[in-house]
Amino acid sequence: MSQTHGDSIPSLQLNHVHSKSLESIPQIELADLPIDVIRQIFGQEKDADISDLAITVEKLQVPSSNEQAINVEVYRPKSAAPEAILPVLLY
């Protein structure tokens, strides 16, 4: 998957984070993520409507690493449980 629509958007890699010892950092707002990054996380087309998604984004520190993982939980308005939990590692 190549990125052609901007050099300011970080490339995203799926990374399974299982450690319970990750240190929580204050939550970042959805507005802090560029809409293109959000679409890339969820594999949406550029013109897809993602306005019905309520997204909780928690920034986490990865032990022994300078990299930061972002754990994203996706909720549909009519669902009480997350449909998907996508840990994403930003380089």
N, C-alpha and C. Protein backbone atom coordinates (compact mmCIF):
# COMPACT_ATOMS: atom_id res chain seq x y z
N MET A 1 0.85 -1.19 0.00
CA MET A 1 0.00 0.00 0.00
C MET A 1 0.89 1.23 0.00
N SER A 2 0.89 1.96 -1.09
CA SER A 2 1.74 3.13 -1.18
C SER A 2 0.96 4.38 -0.84
N GLN A 3 1.68 5.36 -0.36
CA GLN A 3 1.03 6.59 0.06
C GLN A 3 1.41 7.70 -0.92
N THR A 4 0.40 8.32 -1.53
CA THR A 4 0.69 9.31 -2.56
C THR A 4 0.03 10.64 -2.28
N HIS A 5 -0.75 10.74 -1.20
CA HIS A 5 -1.53 11.94 -1.00
C HIS A 5 -0.98 12.87 0.08
N GLY A 6 0.28 12.70 0.48
CA GLY A 6 0.84 13.65 1.43
C GLY A 6 2.01 13.07 2.19
N ASP A 7 3.01 13.90 2.44
CA ASP A 7 4.17 13.39 3.17
C ASP A 7 4.05 13.70 4.66
N SER A 8 3.00 14.40 5.08
CA SER A 8 2.85 14.73 6.49
C SER A 8 2.05 13.67 7.23
N ILE A 9 1.48 12.71 6.50
CA ILE A 9 0.69 11.66 7.13
C ILE A 9 1.58 10.44 7.38
N PRO A 10 1.71 10.02 8.65
CA PRO A 10 2.58 8.88 8.94
C PRO A 10 2.03 7.60 8.34
N SER A 11 2.93 6.70 7.96
CA SER A 11 2.46 5.41 7.47
C SER A 11 2.07 4.56 8.68
N LEU A 12 1.01 3.80 8.53
CA LEU A 12 0.48 3.04 9.65
C LEU A 12 0.73 1.55 9.46
N GLN A 13 1.14 0.90 10.53
CA GLN A 13 1.37 -0.54 10.50
C GLN A 13 0.53 -1.16 11.60
N LEU A 14 -0.17 -2.25 11.28
CA LEU A 14 -0.91 -2.95 12.34
C LEU A 14 0.09 -3.64 13.25
N ASN A 15 -0.09 -3.47 14.53
CA ASN A 15 0.82 -4.05 15.50
C ASN A 15 0.00 -4.57 16.67
N HIS A 16 0.09 -5.87 16.93
CA HIS A 16 -0.70 -6.45 18.01
C HIS A 16 -0.01 -6.18 19.34
N VAL A 17 -0.67 -5.41 20.19
CA VAL A 17 -0.11 -5.05 21.49
C VAL A 17 -0.88 -5.83 22.55
N HIS A 18 -0.21 -6.80 23.18
CA HIS A 18 -0.89 -7.65 24.15
C HIS A 18 -0.49 -7.31 25.59
N SER A 19 0.57 -6.52 25.75
CA SER A 19 1.10 -6.29 27.08
C SER A 19 0.14 -5.49 27.95
N LYS A 20 -0.11 -5.99 29.16
CA LYS A 20 -0.96 -5.28 30.11
C LYS A 20 -0.16 -4.21 30.85
N SER A 21 1.16 -4.21 30.66
CA SER A 21 2.00 -3.30 31.42
C SER A 21 2.25 -1.98 30.69
N LEU A 22 1.54 -1.78 29.58
CA LEU A 22 1.72 -0.51 28.86
C LEU A 22 1.25 0.64 29.74
N GLU A 23 2.05 1.69 29.76
CA GLU A 23 1.71 2.84 30.59
C GLU A 23 0.78 3.77 29.83
N SER A 24 -0.38 4.04 30.42
CA SER A 24 -1.36 4.89 29.74
C SER A 24 -0.93 6.35 29.75
N ILE A 25 -1.13 6.99 28.63
CA ILE A 25 -0.90 8.43 28.48
C ILE A 25 -2.28 9.05 28.34
N PRO A 26 -2.48 10.32 28.67
CA PRO A 26 -3.80 10.92 28.50
C PRO A 26 -4.36 10.70 27.10
N GLN A 27 -5.68 10.54 27.03
CA GLN A 27 -6.31 10.27 25.74
C GLN A 27 -6.11 11.44 24.78
N ILE A 28 -5.97 11.11 23.50
CA ILE A 28 -5.93 12.15 22.48
C ILE A 28 -7.29 12.19 21.82
N GLU A 29 -7.70 13.37 21.41
CA GLU A 29 -9.02 13.52 20.80
C GLU A 29 -8.99 13.02 19.36
N LEU A 30 -10.13 12.57 18.89
CA LEU A 30 -10.25 12.13 17.51
C LEU A 30 -9.85 13.26 16.56
N ALA A 31 -10.14 14.49 16.96
CA ALA A 31 -9.81 15.64 16.12
C ALA A 31 -8.30 15.81 15.94
N ASP A 32 -7.52 15.20 16.83
CA ASP A 32 -6.06 15.30 16.71
C ASP A 32 -5.51 14.43 15.59
N LEU A 33 -6.31 13.48 15.10
CA LEU A 33 -5.86 12.62 14.02
C LEU A 33 -6.39 13.15 12.69
N PRO A 34 -5.51 13.27 11.68
CA PRO A 34 -5.98 13.69 10.35
C PRO A 34 -7.00 12.70 9.81
N ILE A 35 -8.01 13.20 9.11
CA ILE A 35 -9.07 12.34 8.60
C ILE A 35 -8.52 11.26 7.68
N ASP A 36 -7.45 11.57 6.94
CA ASP A 36 -6.85 10.57 6.06
C ASP A 36 -6.25 9.42 6.86
N VAL A 37 -5.69 9.74 8.04
CA VAL A 37 -5.13 8.70 8.90
C VAL A 37 -6.24 7.80 9.43
N ILE A 38 -7.35 8.42 9.82
CA ILE A 38 -8.49 7.64 10.33
C ILE A 38 -9.01 6.71 9.25
N ARG A 39 -9.13 7.23 8.03
CA ARG A 39 -9.61 6.40 6.93
C ARG A 39 -8.63 5.27 6.64
N GLN A 40 -7.33 5.57 6.76
CA GLN A 40 -6.34 4.54 6.50
C GLN A 40 -6.40 3.44 7.56
N ILE A 41 -6.64 3.84 8.80
CA ILE A 41 -6.73 2.86 9.88
C ILE A 41 -7.86 1.87 9.61
N PHE A 42 -8.98 2.38 9.13
CA PHE A 42 -10.16 1.54 8.95
C PHE A 42 -10.31 1.04 7.52
N GLY A 43 -9.33 1.31 6.67
CA GLY A 43 -9.36 0.80 5.31
C GLY A 43 -10.50 1.38 4.49
N GLN A 44 -10.89 2.60 4.80
CA GLN A 44 -12.00 3.22 4.08
C GLN A 44 -11.51 3.84 2.79
N GLU A 45 -12.40 3.91 1.82
CA GLU A 45 -12.10 4.65 0.60
C GLU A 45 -12.05 6.13 0.93
N LYS A 46 -11.41 6.91 0.06
CA LYS A 46 -11.20 8.32 0.35
C LYS A 46 -12.51 9.08 0.55
N ASP A 47 -13.58 8.65 -0.15
CA ASP A 47 -14.85 9.36 -0.05
C ASP A 47 -15.85 8.65 0.86
N ALA A 48 -15.38 7.66 1.63
CA ALA A 48 -16.29 6.90 2.48
C ALA A 48 -16.81 7.76 3.62
N ASP A 49 -18.04 7.48 4.03
CA ASP A 49 -18.64 8.22 5.14
C ASP A 49 -18.32 7.50 6.44
N ILE A 50 -17.49 8.14 7.28
CA ILE A 50 -17.15 7.52 8.56
C ILE A 50 -17.74 8.34 9.70
N SER A 51 -18.70 9.21 9.39
CA SER A 51 -19.25 10.10 10.41
C SER A 51 -20.09 9.34 11.44
N ASP A 52 -20.50 8.10 11.13
CA ASP A 52 -21.30 7.35 12.09
C ASP A 52 -20.45 6.57 13.08
N LEU A 53 -19.14 6.69 12.98
CA LEU A 53 -18.26 5.99 13.90
C LEU A 53 -17.92 6.89 15.09
N ALA A 54 -18.02 6.33 16.27
CA ALA A 54 -17.51 7.01 17.45
C ALA A 54 -16.22 6.29 17.82
N ILE A 55 -15.12 7.02 17.86
CA ILE A 55 -13.82 6.38 17.99
C ILE A 55 -13.12 6.86 19.27
N THR A 56 -12.70 5.91 20.07
CA THR A 56 -11.90 6.23 21.25
C THR A 56 -10.45 5.91 20.93
N VAL A 57 -9.60 6.89 21.08
CA VAL A 57 -8.20 6.70 20.75
C VAL A 57 -7.37 6.91 22.01
N GLU A 58 -6.61 5.92 22.37
CA GLU A 58 -5.78 6.01 23.56
C GLU A 58 -4.32 5.87 23.15
N LYS A 59 -3.54 6.86 23.49
CA LYS A 59 -2.13 6.81 23.14
C LYS A 59 -1.38 6.06 24.24
N LEU A 60 -0.56 5.10 23.84
CA LEU A 60 0.16 4.27 24.79
C LEU A 60 1.66 4.33 24.52
N GLN A 61 2.44 4.17 25.56
CA GLN A 61 3.88 4.05 25.40
C GLN A 61 4.24 2.58 25.33
N VAL A 62 5.12 2.25 24.41
CA VAL A 62 5.60 0.87 24.30
C VAL A 62 6.88 0.75 25.12
N PRO A 63 6.93 -0.19 26.07
CA PRO A 63 8.12 -0.34 26.91
C PRO A 63 9.37 -0.61 26.07
N SER A 64 10.50 -0.08 26.50
CA SER A 64 11.79 -0.29 25.84
C SER A 64 11.76 0.15 24.39
N SER A 65 11.04 1.21 24.11
CA SER A 65 10.95 1.67 22.73
C SER A 65 10.59 3.14 22.70
N ASN A 66 11.09 3.84 21.68
CA ASN A 66 10.72 5.23 21.49
C ASN A 66 9.45 5.37 20.66
N GLU A 67 8.96 4.22 20.14
CA GLU A 67 7.77 4.26 19.31
C GLU A 67 6.54 4.38 20.19
N GLN A 68 5.48 4.94 19.65
CA GLN A 68 4.23 5.06 20.38
C GLN A 68 3.14 4.30 19.66
N ALA A 69 2.42 3.49 20.40
CA ALA A 69 1.29 2.75 19.82
C ALA A 69 0.01 3.51 20.12
N ILE A 70 -0.90 3.48 19.19
CA ILE A 70 -2.21 4.07 19.40
C ILE A 70 -3.24 2.95 19.34
N ASN A 71 -3.96 2.78 20.44
CA ASN A 71 -4.99 1.74 20.50
C ASN A 71 -6.32 2.39 20.14
N VAL A 72 -6.97 1.90 19.10
CA VAL A 72 -8.19 2.51 18.60
C VAL A 72 -9.35 1.53 18.78
N GLU A 73 -10.38 1.97 19.48
CA GLU A 73 -11.57 1.15 19.64
C GLU A 73 -12.71 1.80 18.87
N VAL A 74 -13.38 1.01 18.04
CA VAL A 74 -14.43 1.53 17.17
C VAL A 74 -15.79 1.13 17.72
N TYR A 75 -16.66 2.10 17.88
CA TYR A 75 -18.01 1.83 18.34
C TYR A 75 -19.01 2.32 17.31
N ARG A 76 -20.01 1.51 17.02
CA ARG A 76 -21.15 1.97 16.23
C ARG A 76 -22.17 2.56 17.21
N PRO A 77 -22.89 3.60 16.82
CA PRO A 77 -23.84 4.25 17.73
C PRO A 77 -24.85 3.27 18.35
N LYS A 78 -25.26 2.24 17.60
CA LYS A 78 -26.29 1.33 18.09
C LYS A 78 -25.71 0.12 18.82
N SER A 79 -24.41 0.10 19.02
CA SER A 79 -23.77 -1.05 19.63
C SER A 79 -23.11 -0.65 20.95
N ALA A 80 -23.25 -1.49 21.96
CA ALA A 80 -22.65 -1.19 23.25
C ALA A 80 -21.23 -1.72 23.36
N ALA A 81 -20.86 -2.62 22.45
CA ALA A 81 -19.54 -3.24 22.50
C ALA A 81 -18.72 -2.83 21.28
N PRO A 82 -17.40 -2.75 21.43
CA PRO A 82 -16.57 -2.39 20.28
C PRO A 82 -16.64 -3.46 19.20
N GLU A 83 -16.75 -3.01 17.96
CA GLU A 83 -16.75 -3.96 16.84
C GLU A 83 -15.33 -4.39 16.51
N ALA A 84 -14.39 -3.50 16.74
CA ALA A 84 -13.01 -3.81 16.40
C ALA A 84 -12.08 -3.04 17.32
N ILE A 85 -10.99 -3.66 17.68
CA ILE A 85 -9.92 -2.98 18.42
C ILE A 85 -8.66 -3.11 17.57
N LEU A 86 -8.16 -1.98 17.11
CA LEU A 86 -7.05 -1.99 16.17
C LEU A 86 -5.84 -1.27 16.75
N PRO A 87 -4.92 -2.00 17.38
CA PRO A 87 -3.70 -1.35 17.81
C PRO A 87 -2.86 -0.97 16.59
N VAL A 88 -2.43 0.28 16.55
CA VAL A 88 -1.69 0.78 15.39
C VAL A 88 -0.39 1.40 15.88
N LEU A 89 0.68 1.08 15.21
CA LEU A 89 1.98 1.63 15.60
C LEU A 89 2.37 2.73 14.63
N LEU A 90 2.60 3.93 15.14
CA LEU A 90 3.02 5.05 14.31
C LEU A 90 4.54 5.14 14.34
N TYR A 91 5.15 5.21 13.17
CA TYR A 91 6.59 5.34 13.10
C TYR A 91 6.98 6.78 12.89
